Amino acid sequence: MKKNKDISEINNKADTAQLIDYLEGSIADEMILSSFIRGIEVIKVSKNNITLKCPSVESKNMITEHYLPSIKQGVYEVYGSP
């Protein structure tokens, strides 16, 4: 059972890296990237949802208020569906 959990964590890390790579190409502001975007983590992927973990409430608020369209486009680019 532990082995399956490790595989899931590895996939989540790969998914996170792909999403952040996409966002680094679409968001030019280095301060925003380092302060808010690079701290996100994909923690769950299901058929219709993706769950992201933000490092702080401030990060969540900033992303939700200003960068949600970029996140949605990044999810589309990484997973092939909205």
C-alpha atoms as a PDB file:
ATOM      1  CA  MET A   1       0.000   0.000   0.000  1.00  0.00           C
ATOM      2  CA  LYS A   2       2.808   2.425   0.801  1.00  0.00           C
ATOM      3  CA  LYS A   3       4.273   1.853  -2.649  1.00  0.00           C
ATOM      4  CA  ASN A   4       1.067   3.109  -4.341  1.00  0.00           C
ATOM      5  CA  LYS A   5       1.078   6.219  -2.166  1.00  0.00           C
ATOM      6  CA  ASP A   6       4.662   6.952  -3.233  1.00  0.00           C
ATOM      7  CA  ILE A   7       3.695   6.642  -6.908  1.00  0.00           C
ATOM      8  CA  SER A   8       0.800   9.058  -6.372  1.00  0.00           C
ATOM      9  CA  GLU A   9       3.089  11.562  -4.672  1.00  0.00           C
ATOM     10  CA  ILE A  10       5.610  11.320  -7.503  1.00  0.00           C
ATOM     11  CA  ASN A  11       2.847  11.937 -10.053  1.00  0.00           C
ATOM     12  CA  ASN A  12       1.616  14.907  -8.055  1.00  0.00           C
ATOM     13  CA  LYS A  13       5.132  16.343  -8.058  1.00  0.00           C
ATOM     14  CA  ALA A  14       5.381  15.854 -11.815  1.00  0.00           C
ATOM     15  CA  ASP A  15       1.941  17.436 -12.304  1.00  0.00           C
ATOM     16  CA  THR A  16       2.937  20.360 -10.093  1.00  0.00           C
ATOM     17  CA  ALA A  17       6.175  20.853 -12.035  1.00  0.00           C
ATOM     18  CA  GLN A  18       4.343  20.845 -15.365  1.00  0.00           C
ATOM     19  CA  LEU A  19       1.752  23.335 -14.148  1.00  0.00           C
ATOM     20  CA  ILE A  20       4.383  25.662 -12.703  1.00  0.00           C
ATOM     21  CA  ASP A  21       6.455  25.403 -15.899  1.00  0.00           C
ATOM     22  CA  TYR A  22       3.428  26.497 -17.890  1.00  0.00           C
ATOM     23  CA  LEU A  23       2.705  29.388 -15.515  1.00  0.00           C
ATOM     24  CA  GLU A  24       6.325  30.545 -15.603  1.00  0.00           C
ATOM     25  CA  GLY A  25       5.941  30.903 -19.355  1.00  0.00           C
ATOM     26  CA  SER A  26       2.699  32.849 -19.114  1.00  0.00           C
ATOM     27  CA  ILE A  27       3.294  35.128 -16.102  1.00  0.00           C
ATOM     28  CA  ALA A  28       6.117  37.611 -16.593  1.00  0.00           C
ATOM     29  CA  ASP A  29       6.278  39.053 -13.075  1.00  0.00           C
ATOM     30  CA  GLU A  30       9.104  37.285 -11.231  1.00  0.00           C
ATOM     31  CA  MET A  31       7.920  38.583  -7.833  1.00  0.00           C
ATOM     32  CA  ILE A  32       4.463  37.037  -8.384  1.00  0.00           C
ATOM     33  CA  LEU A  33       6.030  33.775  -9.529  1.00  0.00           C
ATOM     34  CA  SER A  34       8.365  33.468  -6.573  1.00  0.00           C
ATOM     35  CA  SER A  35       5.934  34.790  -3.956  1.00  0.00           C
ATOM     36  CA  PHE A  36       2.738  33.019  -4.969  1.00  0.00           C
ATOM     37  CA  ILE A  37       2.889  30.692  -7.965  1.00  0.00           C
ATOM     38  CA  ARG A  38       5.917  28.494  -7.261  1.00  0.00           C
ATOM     39  CA  GLY A  39       4.508  27.572  -3.866  1.00  0.00           C
ATOM     40  CA  ILE A  40       1.398  25.860  -5.210  1.00  0.00           C
ATOM     41  CA  GLU A  41       1.158  22.094  -5.209  1.00  0.00           C
ATOM     42  CA  VAL A  42      -1.151  19.698  -7.014  1.00  0.00           C
ATOM     43  CA  ILE A  43      -2.486  17.453  -4.264  1.00  0.00           C
ATOM     44  CA  LYS A  44      -5.365  15.649  -5.947  1.00  0.00           C
ATOM     45  CA  VAL A  45      -6.478  14.963  -9.479  1.00  0.00           C
ATOM     46  CA  SER A  46      -9.815  13.355 -10.233  1.00  0.00           C
ATOM     47  CA  LYS A  47     -11.935  13.028 -13.343  1.00  0.00           C
ATOM     48  CA  ASN A  48     -13.538  16.468 -13.049  1.00  0.00           C
ATOM     49  CA  ASN A  49     -11.414  18.334 -10.502  1.00  0.00           C
ATOM     50  CA  ILE A  50      -7.913  19.284  -9.579  1.00  0.00           C
ATOM     51  CA  THR A  51      -7.086  20.336  -6.041  1.00  0.00           C
ATOM     52  CA  LEU A  52      -4.233  22.750  -5.476  1.00  0.00           C
ATOM     53  CA  LYS A  53      -2.593  23.547  -2.175  1.00  0.00           C
ATOM     54  CA  CYS A  54      -1.370  27.095  -1.624  1.00  0.00           C
ATOM     55  CA  PRO A  55       1.357  27.873   0.900  1.00  0.00           C
ATOM     56  CA  SER A  56      -0.706  30.596   2.574  1.00  0.00           C
ATOM     57  CA  VAL A  57      -4.076  32.299   2.625  1.00  0.00           C
ATOM     58  CA  GLU A  58      -2.452  35.332   1.005  1.00  0.00           C
ATOM     59  CA  SER A  59      -1.221  33.165  -1.867  1.00  0.00           C
ATOM     60  CA  LYS A  60      -4.654  31.628  -2.315  1.00  0.00           C
ATOM     61  CA  ASN A  61      -6.308  35.039  -2.342  1.00  0.00           C
ATOM     62  CA  MET A  62      -3.809  36.514  -4.814  1.00  0.00           C
ATOM     63  CA  ILE A  63      -4.102  33.539  -7.158  1.00  0.00           C
ATOM     64  CA  THR A  64      -7.896  33.422  -6.935  1.00  0.00           C
ATOM     65  CA  GLU A  65      -8.341  37.159  -7.467  1.00  0.00           C
ATOM     66  CA  HIS A  66      -5.729  37.749 -10.179  1.00  0.00           C
ATOM     67  CA  TYR A  67      -4.390  34.538 -11.703  1.00  0.00           C
ATOM     68  CA  LEU A  68      -7.262  32.058 -11.785  1.00  0.00           C
ATOM     69  CA  PRO A  69      -7.615  32.314 -15.593  1.00  0.00           C
ATOM     70  CA  SER A  70      -3.898  31.489 -15.965  1.00  0.00           C
ATOM     71  CA  ILE A  71      -4.261  28.546 -13.577  1.00  0.00           C
ATOM     72  CA  LYS A  72      -7.277  27.270 -15.513  1.00  0.00           C
ATOM     73  CA  GLN A  73      -5.410  27.573 -18.811  1.00  0.00           C
ATOM     74  CA  GLY A  74      -2.406  25.810 -17.268  1.00  0.00           C
ATOM     75  CA  VAL A  75      -4.630  22.952 -16.098  1.00  0.00           C
ATOM     76  CA  TYR A  76      -6.019  22.707 -19.616  1.00  0.00           C
ATOM     77  CA  GLU A  77      -2.499  22.624 -21.100  1.00  0.00           C
ATOM     78  CA  VAL A  78      -1.226  19.998 -18.637  1.00  0.00           C
ATOM     79  CA  TYR A  79      -4.305  17.743 -18.495  1.00  0.00           C
ATOM     80  CA  GLY A  80      -5.921  18.424 -21.854  1.00  0.00           C
ATOM     81  CA  SER A  81      -9.286  19.351 -20.377  1.00  0.00           C
ATOM     82  CA  PRO A  82     -10.708  22.252 -18.373  1.00  0.00           C
END
